[in-house]
Amino acid sequence: MNQPKASPGIIIFALWLLVFSASSQIMIITPILPQIGEELGIGESALGTLVSAYAIMVGLCAIAAGPVSDKIGRRRILLLGTGVMTGALLLHHFVAGYYSFLAVRVAAGAAGGILSGSAVSYIGDYFPYNRRGWATGWVMSGMAFGQIAGIPLGIVLAGTYGFKAPFYLFAVAMAATFVMIWFRVPQPDVQRSVGRLTVASAVKNYRLMLSQGEIAAAALAYFTMFLGVSLFVVYLPYWLEQSLGATPNAIASLFVVGGIANVLTGPKAGKLSDRIGRKRIVILSCIGLSVVMLLTTVLVRELWVAYVLYFVTMVLVAMRLSPFSALLTALVSDERRGTLMSMTIALGQVGFAVGAAMAGPLYSRFGYGSNTVLGASAVLIMAGIVAYLVPEPNPQGAPSPNRTADVPADPARA
């Protein structure tokens, strides 16, 4: 089959639609979880496992999908992931109880794991390093657009036609992504990994990567990035409800404001990082974010202040994500980029889960102030790791002079 021809704009839109669809089908679960429990007769204690099962499958399949994408090419992994995700979302039609819903969320989680890191890895393959911040910013804004438009629309559809309706919507969007990738997104002309791919070789490759100091530091920074956000965000709505009497509609609008901040900031931050460097923006945003977190319980005495502060928080979060993701794409060679991105995203999932698990006991015992202090501490730790342990590649994407020796591309050759 001949390679499809596409412009950079078409490629970015296809990847944007992928991120929008994939992230929206995750985020929609939380607001409609009570409705799911009511319609299917699932108890409160069991509802949480529908969320955790998805996260577990994402982490497991992401670790497996990274080396596979390096072997078979990014385009094929995108087609595989979008195809499986489309099928998994359509299977929500047959949900009739807890176990059937759990099964389709496990299938969706597997697809999410296949897709984890694939969009950013493709950007790393297709775009030169000095354009990756711009491209990553636009693609990742699909997540924020889902927060602004996809989730409110999904909630309306669920309230009108039942909880299955939003999954049909996102299945259609994911199917459109599959079609666009099939016809308009080519396989980048980059080196793929060679040699036989086995579980042993994949494990060895991960071990060799983590033995390289800058890779281990970047992975730890990604973990702390999501750890800090989780510590701060998970119990923010609960604190606002208890301290200021915020209604569910007010909380929903707060997240819409955060999504707008992401959309406005992500592409600009990515483009700016192409000009002045990634590390500078990441470090400055971490410092600013830690200050905002620490000031939250001090400044938020009225609900309107929470909107302003959350807008600033999401601006600073977006300022980190796009530049840091672009920086990661240049830390390894082409044939190992998928492995690195999948590994870091899996660690990000773990970081978010750990933060969420810590947030509850902290809140109940010490109050929300403890969440903000530990969240700010994690953010500052990330800033220190990036400042001192993660190298800044030059504008052409080559490693900086202080970078250690690269790990062999193929573990079989090591």
Protein backbone atom coordinates (compact mmCIF):
# COMPACT_ATOMS: atom_id res chain seq x y z
CA MET A 1 0.00 0.00 0.00
CA ASN A 2 1.33 3.44 -0.96
CA GLN A 3 2.11 5.92 1.79
CA PRO A 4 -0.71 8.45 2.33
CA LYS A 5 0.17 12.07 1.68
CA ALA A 6 -0.66 14.71 4.25
CA SER A 7 0.25 18.19 5.35
CA PRO A 8 1.50 18.88 8.88
CA GLY A 9 -1.86 20.52 9.61
CA ILE A 10 -3.79 17.36 8.71
CA ILE A 11 -1.47 15.24 10.85
CA ILE A 12 -1.83 17.55 13.84
CA PHE A 13 -5.62 17.55 13.51
CA ALA A 14 -5.74 13.73 13.33
CA LEU A 15 -3.58 13.43 16.45
CA TRP A 16 -5.61 16.19 18.14
CA LEU A 17 -8.84 14.28 17.46
CA LEU A 18 -7.22 11.15 18.86
CA VAL A 19 -6.28 12.91 22.11
CA PHE A 20 -9.71 14.54 22.33
CA SER A 21 -11.56 11.23 21.90
CA ALA A 22 -9.30 9.16 24.14
CA SER A 23 -9.21 11.67 27.00
CA SER A 24 -12.94 12.48 26.83
CA GLN A 25 -14.00 8.84 27.17
CA ILE A 26 -11.91 8.69 30.36
CA MET A 27 -13.07 11.97 31.88
CA ILE A 28 -16.77 11.34 31.23
CA ILE A 29 -16.79 8.41 33.68
CA THR A 30 -16.45 10.53 36.83
CA PRO A 31 -19.44 12.88 36.39
CA ILE A 32 -21.80 10.11 35.26
CA LEU A 33 -20.60 7.47 37.75
CA PRO A 34 -23.66 7.92 40.04
CA GLN A 35 -25.95 7.50 37.02
CA ILE A 36 -24.07 4.34 35.98
CA GLY A 37 -24.51 2.92 39.47
CA GLU A 38 -28.21 3.74 39.51
CA GLU A 39 -29.00 2.36 36.04
CA LEU A 40 -26.99 -0.84 36.51
CA GLY A 41 -27.61 -1.35 40.24
CA ILE A 42 -23.92 -1.16 41.14
CA GLY A 43 -23.04 -0.27 44.73
CA GLU A 44 -20.88 2.73 45.60
CA SER A 45 -17.96 0.61 46.80
CA ALA A 46 -17.75 -1.22 43.46
CA LEU A 47 -18.02 1.86 41.22
CA GLY A 48 -14.45 2.92 41.92
CA THR A 49 -13.10 -0.34 40.51
CA LEU A 50 -14.48 0.64 37.09
CA VAL A 51 -12.04 3.55 37.13
CA SER A 52 -9.08 1.71 38.63
CA ALA A 53 -9.43 -1.25 36.22
CA TYR A 54 -9.04 1.13 33.30
CA ALA A 55 -5.96 2.78 34.83
CA ILE A 56 -4.31 -0.59 35.54
CA MET A 57 -4.82 -1.76 31.96
CA VAL A 58 -3.46 1.51 30.58
CA GLY A 59 -0.27 1.11 32.60
CA LEU A 60 0.24 -2.55 31.69
CA CYS A 61 -0.48 -2.14 27.99
CA ALA A 62 1.51 1.08 27.70
CA ILE A 63 4.63 -0.73 28.89
CA ALA A 64 4.04 -3.45 26.29
CA ALA A 65 3.04 -1.10 23.45
CA GLY A 66 6.14 1.11 23.59
CA PRO A 67 8.65 -1.46 22.27
CA VAL A 68 6.06 -2.75 19.79
CA SER A 69 5.60 0.73 18.31
CA ASP A 70 9.37 1.08 17.95
CA LYS A 71 9.38 -2.21 16.05
CA ILE A 72 6.34 -1.96 13.75
CA GLY A 73 6.20 1.82 13.30
CA ARG A 74 4.12 4.59 14.80
CA ARG A 75 1.44 4.60 12.10
CA ARG A 76 0.55 0.96 12.66
CA ILE A 77 0.33 1.37 16.43
CA LEU A 78 -1.95 4.39 15.93
CA LEU A 79 -4.23 2.37 13.65
CA LEU A 80 -4.23 -0.57 16.07
CA GLY A 81 -5.01 1.61 19.09
CA THR A 82 -7.74 3.68 17.44
CA GLY A 83 -9.34 0.55 15.98
CA VAL A 84 -9.41 -1.29 19.30
CA MET A 85 -10.65 1.83 21.12
CA THR A 86 -13.48 2.32 18.62
CA GLY A 87 -14.58 -1.28 19.13
CA ALA A 88 -14.30 -1.04 22.92
CA LEU A 89 -16.43 2.11 23.03
CA LEU A 90 -19.09 0.56 20.80
CA LEU A 91 -19.18 -2.48 23.08
CA HIS A 92 -20.65 -0.24 25.80
CA HIS A 93 -23.94 -0.85 23.97
CA PHE A 94 -24.01 -4.40 25.38
CA VAL A 95 -23.34 -3.43 29.01
CA ALA A 96 -25.98 -4.91 31.30
CA GLY A 97 -24.35 -5.02 34.73
CA TYR A 98 -21.16 -4.64 36.72
CA TYR A 99 -19.10 -7.39 35.13
CA SER A 100 -19.97 -6.49 31.55
CA PHE A 101 -19.14 -2.84 32.25
CA LEU A 102 -15.87 -3.88 33.88
CA ALA A 103 -15.02 -5.96 30.81
CA VAL A 104 -15.54 -3.12 28.34
CA ARG A 105 -13.54 -0.71 30.55
CA VAL A 106 -10.70 -3.24 30.63
CA ALA A 107 -10.85 -3.39 26.82
CA ALA A 108 -10.88 0.41 26.60
CA GLY A 109 -7.95 0.53 29.02
CA ALA A 110 -5.99 -1.86 26.81
CA ALA A 111 -6.62 0.44 23.85
CA GLY A 112 -5.66 3.45 25.95
CA GLY A 113 -2.40 1.74 26.83
CA ILE A 114 -1.67 1.07 23.16
CA LEU A 115 -2.28 4.75 22.40
CA SER A 116 -0.39 6.10 25.43
CA GLY A 117 2.54 8.10 24.17
CA SER A 118 1.77 7.31 20.54
CA ALA A 119 0.74 10.83 19.54
CA VAL A 120 3.79 12.49 21.12
CA SER A 121 6.06 9.74 19.77
CA TYR A 122 4.69 10.36 16.28
CA ILE A 123 5.38 14.07 16.69
CA GLY A 124 8.95 13.19 17.66
CA ASP A 125 9.29 11.04 14.54
CA TYR A 126 7.69 13.43 12.06
CA PHE A 127 8.56 16.96 13.19
CA PRO A 128 12.04 18.45 13.63
CA TYR A 129 12.98 19.18 17.23
CA ASN A 130 12.59 22.94 16.82
CA ARG A 131 8.90 22.44 15.85
CA ARG A 132 7.93 19.75 18.35
CA GLY A 133 6.87 22.13 21.12
CA TRP A 134 4.43 23.86 18.78
CA ALA A 135 3.05 20.57 17.47
CA THR A 136 2.80 18.96 20.91
CA GLY A 137 1.02 22.01 22.31
CA TRP A 138 -1.69 21.85 19.67
CA VAL A 139 -2.15 18.08 19.86
CA MET A 140 -2.36 18.01 23.66
CA SER A 141 -4.92 20.83 23.62
CA GLY A 142 -7.36 18.14 22.47
CA MET A 143 -7.50 16.99 26.09
CA ALA A 144 -8.45 20.47 27.27
CA PHE A 145 -11.06 20.81 24.51
CA GLY A 146 -12.61 17.58 25.76
CA GLN A 147 -12.82 19.19 29.19
CA ILE A 148 -14.50 22.28 27.74
CA ALA A 149 -16.89 20.77 25.20
CA GLY A 150 -16.71 16.97 25.15
CA ILE A 151 -17.56 16.37 28.80
CA PRO A 152 -20.47 18.86 29.07
CA LEU A 153 -21.93 17.43 25.85
CA GLY A 154 -21.44 13.90 27.15
CA ILE A 155 -23.21 14.76 30.41
CA VAL A 156 -26.17 16.18 28.48
CA LEU A 157 -26.35 13.07 26.27
CA ALA A 158 -26.17 10.79 29.32
CA GLY A 159 -28.97 12.69 31.05
CA THR A 160 -31.17 12.58 27.94
CA TYR A 161 -30.46 9.16 26.40
CA GLY A 162 -28.76 7.16 29.15
CA PHE A 163 -25.17 6.67 30.28
CA LYS A 164 -24.19 4.73 27.13
CA ALA A 165 -24.78 7.68 24.80
CA PRO A 166 -21.49 9.56 25.47
CA PHE A 167 -19.49 6.45 24.61
CA TYR A 168 -21.22 6.28 21.21
CA LEU A 169 -20.24 9.90 20.59
CA PHE A 170 -16.58 9.29 21.39
CA ALA A 171 -16.64 6.04 19.39
CA VAL A 172 -17.66 8.03 16.32
CA ALA A 173 -14.87 10.54 16.95
CA MET A 174 -12.33 7.72 17.40
CA ALA A 175 -13.55 5.99 14.23
CA ALA A 176 -13.07 9.27 12.35
CA THR A 177 -9.53 9.38 13.74
CA PHE A 178 -8.88 5.85 12.45
CA VAL A 179 -10.08 6.84 8.96
CA MET A 180 -7.95 10.00 8.92
CA ILE A 181 -4.83 8.09 9.98
CA TRP A 182 -5.48 5.39 7.38
CA PHE A 183 -5.85 7.80 4.48
CA ARG A 184 -3.85 10.90 5.48
CA VAL A 185 -1.18 10.09 8.07
CA PRO A 186 2.04 8.51 6.71
CA GLN A 187 4.64 6.44 8.52
CA PRO A 188 7.57 8.78 9.34
CA ASP A 189 10.86 7.91 7.69
CA VAL A 190 12.82 7.04 10.83
CA GLN A 191 14.92 4.15 12.02
CA ARG A 192 12.93 1.33 13.62
CA SER A 193 14.26 -1.11 16.19
CA VAL A 194 15.79 -4.25 14.71
CA GLY A 195 16.19 -7.77 15.99
CA ARG A 196 13.64 -10.09 17.52
CA LEU A 197 11.20 -8.50 19.95
CA THR A 198 10.55 -10.64 23.02
CA VAL A 199 9.45 -10.01 26.58
CA ALA A 200 13.03 -10.54 27.72
CA SER A 201 14.44 -8.08 25.18
CA ALA A 202 11.80 -5.48 26.09
CA VAL A 203 12.54 -5.80 29.81
CA LYS A 204 16.26 -5.54 29.08
CA ASN A 205 15.69 -2.42 27.00
CA TYR A 206 13.71 -0.76 29.80
CA ARG A 207 16.41 -1.69 32.30
CA LEU A 208 19.15 -0.30 30.08
CA MET A 209 17.22 2.91 29.55
CA LEU A 210 16.69 3.44 33.26
CA SER A 211 20.37 2.78 33.91
CA GLN A 212 21.09 5.96 31.95
CA GLY A 213 21.00 8.81 34.47
CA GLU A 214 19.16 11.39 32.38
CA ILE A 215 16.45 8.91 31.35
CA ALA A 216 15.87 7.85 34.95
CA ALA A 217 15.74 11.52 35.97
CA ALA A 218 13.24 12.37 33.23
CA ALA A 219 11.04 9.43 34.25
CA LEU A 220 11.15 10.52 37.89
CA ALA A 221 10.29 14.08 36.88
CA TYR A 222 7.25 12.82 34.94
CA PHE A 223 6.16 10.82 37.99
CA THR A 224 6.46 13.81 40.33
CA MET A 225 4.67 16.05 37.81
CA PHE A 226 1.49 13.97 38.02
CA LEU A 227 1.95 13.23 41.71
CA GLY A 228 1.89 16.94 42.55
CA VAL A 229 -1.13 17.68 40.37
CA SER A 230 -3.06 14.76 41.85
CA LEU A 231 -2.31 15.78 45.45
CA PHE A 232 -3.64 19.26 44.71
CA VAL A 233 -6.57 18.67 42.35
CA VAL A 234 -8.34 15.53 43.57
CA TYR A 235 -9.72 17.07 46.78
CA LEU A 236 -9.98 20.66 45.56
CA PRO A 237 -13.70 20.30 44.62
CA TYR A 238 -14.45 18.62 47.95
CA TRP A 239 -12.70 21.43 49.84
CA LEU A 240 -14.58 24.09 47.88
CA GLU A 241 -17.89 22.35 48.61
CA GLN A 242 -17.15 22.13 52.34
CA SER A 243 -15.53 25.52 52.84
CA LEU A 244 -17.45 27.72 50.40
CA GLY A 245 -20.60 25.72 49.67
CA ALA A 246 -19.75 25.25 45.98
CA THR A 247 -22.48 23.44 44.03
CA PRO A 248 -21.85 20.63 41.51
CA ASN A 249 -22.60 23.08 38.67
CA ALA A 250 -20.04 25.51 40.07
CA ILE A 251 -17.44 22.74 40.23
CA ALA A 252 -18.24 21.73 36.66
CA SER A 253 -17.80 25.31 35.46
CA LEU A 254 -14.51 25.50 37.37
CA PHE A 255 -13.14 22.63 35.28
CA VAL A 256 -14.40 24.28 32.11
CA VAL A 257 -12.39 27.37 33.08
CA GLY A 258 -9.37 25.12 33.59
CA GLY A 259 -9.87 23.59 30.16
CA ILE A 260 -10.00 27.04 28.55
CA ALA A 261 -6.71 27.89 30.27
CA ASN A 262 -5.15 24.73 28.82
CA VAL A 263 -6.37 25.45 25.30
CA LEU A 264 -5.08 29.02 25.40
CA THR A 265 -1.72 28.15 26.94
CA GLY A 266 -0.59 24.77 25.59
CA PRO A 267 0.12 25.70 21.96
CA LYS A 268 1.72 29.04 22.91
CA ALA A 269 3.92 27.48 25.57
CA GLY A 270 5.03 24.78 23.16
CA LYS A 271 5.86 27.33 20.45
CA LEU A 272 7.72 29.55 22.91
CA SER A 273 9.77 26.56 24.10
CA ASP A 274 10.86 26.02 20.48
CA ARG A 275 12.46 29.46 20.62
CA ILE A 276 13.91 29.81 24.11
CA GLY A 277 14.34 26.20 25.25
CA ARG A 278 12.20 23.67 27.12
CA LYS A 279 13.88 23.59 30.51
CA ARG A 280 13.53 27.29 31.21
CA ILE A 281 9.76 27.21 30.73
CA VAL A 282 9.33 23.97 32.69
CA ILE A 283 11.33 25.26 35.66
CA LEU A 284 9.59 28.65 35.75
CA SER A 285 6.15 27.06 35.51
CA CYS A 286 7.00 24.65 38.36
CA ILE A 287 8.08 27.51 40.60
CA GLY A 288 4.96 29.51 39.76
CA LEU A 289 2.70 26.49 40.26
CA SER A 290 4.18 25.73 43.68
CA VAL A 291 3.51 29.32 44.78
CA VAL A 292 -0.10 29.16 43.57
CA MET A 293 -0.66 25.87 45.38
CA LEU A 294 0.73 27.21 48.65
CA LEU A 295 -1.44 30.34 48.42
CA THR A 296 -4.70 28.53 47.63
CA THR A 297 -6.02 28.13 51.18
CA VAL A 298 -4.83 31.63 52.04
CA LEU A 299 -6.39 33.51 49.14
CA VAL A 300 -9.55 31.54 48.34
CA ARG A 301 -12.13 33.07 50.66
CA GLU A 302 -14.79 33.55 47.97
CA LEU A 303 -15.70 31.26 45.10
CA TRP A 304 -14.79 33.72 42.35
CA VAL A 305 -11.20 33.73 43.62
CA ALA A 306 -11.10 29.96 43.14
CA TYR A 307 -11.93 30.44 39.44
CA VAL A 308 -9.07 32.90 39.00
CA LEU A 309 -6.62 30.75 40.91
CA TYR A 310 -7.63 27.56 39.10
CA PHE A 311 -7.28 29.32 35.74
CA VAL A 312 -3.72 30.33 36.69
CA THR A 313 -3.03 26.80 37.95
CA MET A 314 -4.05 25.23 34.65
CA VAL A 315 -2.04 27.82 32.71
CA LEU A 316 1.05 26.77 34.65
CA VAL A 317 0.25 23.06 34.25
CA ALA A 318 -0.06 23.50 30.48
CA MET A 319 3.21 25.44 30.42
CA ARG A 320 4.97 22.34 31.76
CA LEU A 321 3.32 19.54 29.85
CA SER A 322 3.92 20.47 26.20
CA PRO A 323 7.57 21.62 26.56
CA PHE A 324 8.52 18.70 28.79
CA SER A 325 6.89 16.16 26.45
CA ALA A 326 8.77 17.70 23.52
CA LEU A 327 12.02 17.56 25.49
CA LEU A 328 11.51 13.86 26.21
CA THR A 329 11.27 13.04 22.50
CA ALA A 330 14.90 14.10 21.99
CA LEU A 331 16.45 12.13 24.86
CA VAL A 332 16.58 8.88 22.89
CA SER A 333 17.08 7.80 19.30
CA ASP A 334 14.17 7.29 16.90
CA GLU A 335 13.91 3.53 17.36
CA ARG A 336 13.50 3.85 21.14
CA ARG A 337 11.20 6.87 21.36
CA GLY A 338 7.99 4.87 21.74
CA THR A 339 9.50 2.85 24.56
CA LEU A 340 10.50 5.98 26.44
CA MET A 341 7.20 7.79 25.97
CA SER A 342 5.13 4.76 26.98
CA MET A 343 7.29 4.22 30.05
CA THR A 344 7.02 7.82 31.22
CA ILE A 345 3.27 7.96 30.64
CA ALA A 346 2.81 4.74 32.60
CA LEU A 347 4.84 6.28 35.43
CA GLY A 348 2.66 9.39 35.18
CA GLN A 349 -0.42 7.19 35.69
CA VAL A 350 1.25 5.64 38.73
CA GLY A 351 2.16 9.10 40.06
CA PHE A 352 -1.42 10.31 39.70
CA ALA A 353 -2.75 7.18 41.40
CA VAL A 354 -0.27 7.49 44.28
CA GLY A 355 -1.17 11.16 44.74
CA ALA A 356 -4.89 10.35 44.75
CA ALA A 357 -4.35 7.61 47.34
CA MET A 358 -2.37 9.99 49.58
CA ALA A 359 -4.76 12.91 49.12
CA GLY A 360 -7.67 11.39 51.04
CA PRO A 361 -5.88 10.53 54.30
CA LEU A 362 -4.04 13.87 54.21
CA TYR A 363 -7.26 15.80 53.77
CA SER A 364 -9.19 13.95 56.46
CA ARG A 365 -6.40 14.16 59.04
CA PHE A 366 -4.67 17.49 58.40
CA GLY A 367 -7.01 19.44 56.12
CA TYR A 368 -6.62 20.63 52.54
CA GLY A 369 -3.62 22.78 53.47
CA SER A 370 -1.52 19.62 53.76
CA ASN A 371 -2.52 18.63 50.22
CA THR A 372 -1.35 21.97 48.88
CA VAL A 373 1.97 21.83 50.76
CA LEU A 374 2.85 18.32 49.60
CA GLY A 375 1.63 19.08 46.06
CA ALA A 376 3.85 22.17 45.94
CA SER A 377 6.77 20.14 47.30
CA ALA A 378 6.39 17.55 44.52
CA VAL A 379 6.28 20.34 41.93
CA LEU A 380 9.48 21.88 43.29
CA ILE A 381 11.17 18.47 43.28
CA MET A 382 10.33 18.19 39.59
CA ALA A 383 11.84 21.63 38.98
CA GLY A 384 15.06 20.55 40.69
CA ILE A 385 15.26 17.30 38.74
CA VAL A 386 14.77 19.07 35.42
CA ALA A 387 17.20 21.85 36.31
CA TYR A 388 20.10 19.65 37.38
CA LEU A 389 19.61 16.16 35.96
CA VAL A 390 17.76 16.40 32.62
CA PRO A 391 19.79 17.75 29.66
CA GLU A 392 18.50 20.35 27.20
CA PRO A 393 19.02 19.11 23.63
CA ASN A 394 20.17 21.65 21.08
CA PRO A 395 17.62 23.06 18.57
CA GLN A 396 18.39 20.28 16.09
CA GLY A 397 17.48 17.62 18.65
CA ALA A 398 20.99 16.33 19.25
CA PRO A 399 22.01 15.65 22.85
CA SER A 400 23.71 18.35 24.88
CA PRO A 401 27.46 17.96 25.46
CA ASN A 402 27.02 16.66 29.01
CA ARG A 403 24.78 13.79 27.93
CA THR A 404 25.97 10.33 28.83
CA ALA A 405 26.53 7.57 26.31
CA ASP A 406 23.39 6.38 24.59
CA VAL A 407 21.93 2.99 25.33
CA PRO A 408 22.12 0.44 22.52
CA ALA A 409 19.05 0.66 20.31
CA ASP A 410 18.60 -3.06 20.19
CA PRO A 411 19.03 -5.04 23.40
CA ALA A 412 19.96 -8.08 21.36
CA ARG A 413 23.12 -6.23 20.34
CA ALA A 414 23.99 -5.11 23.84
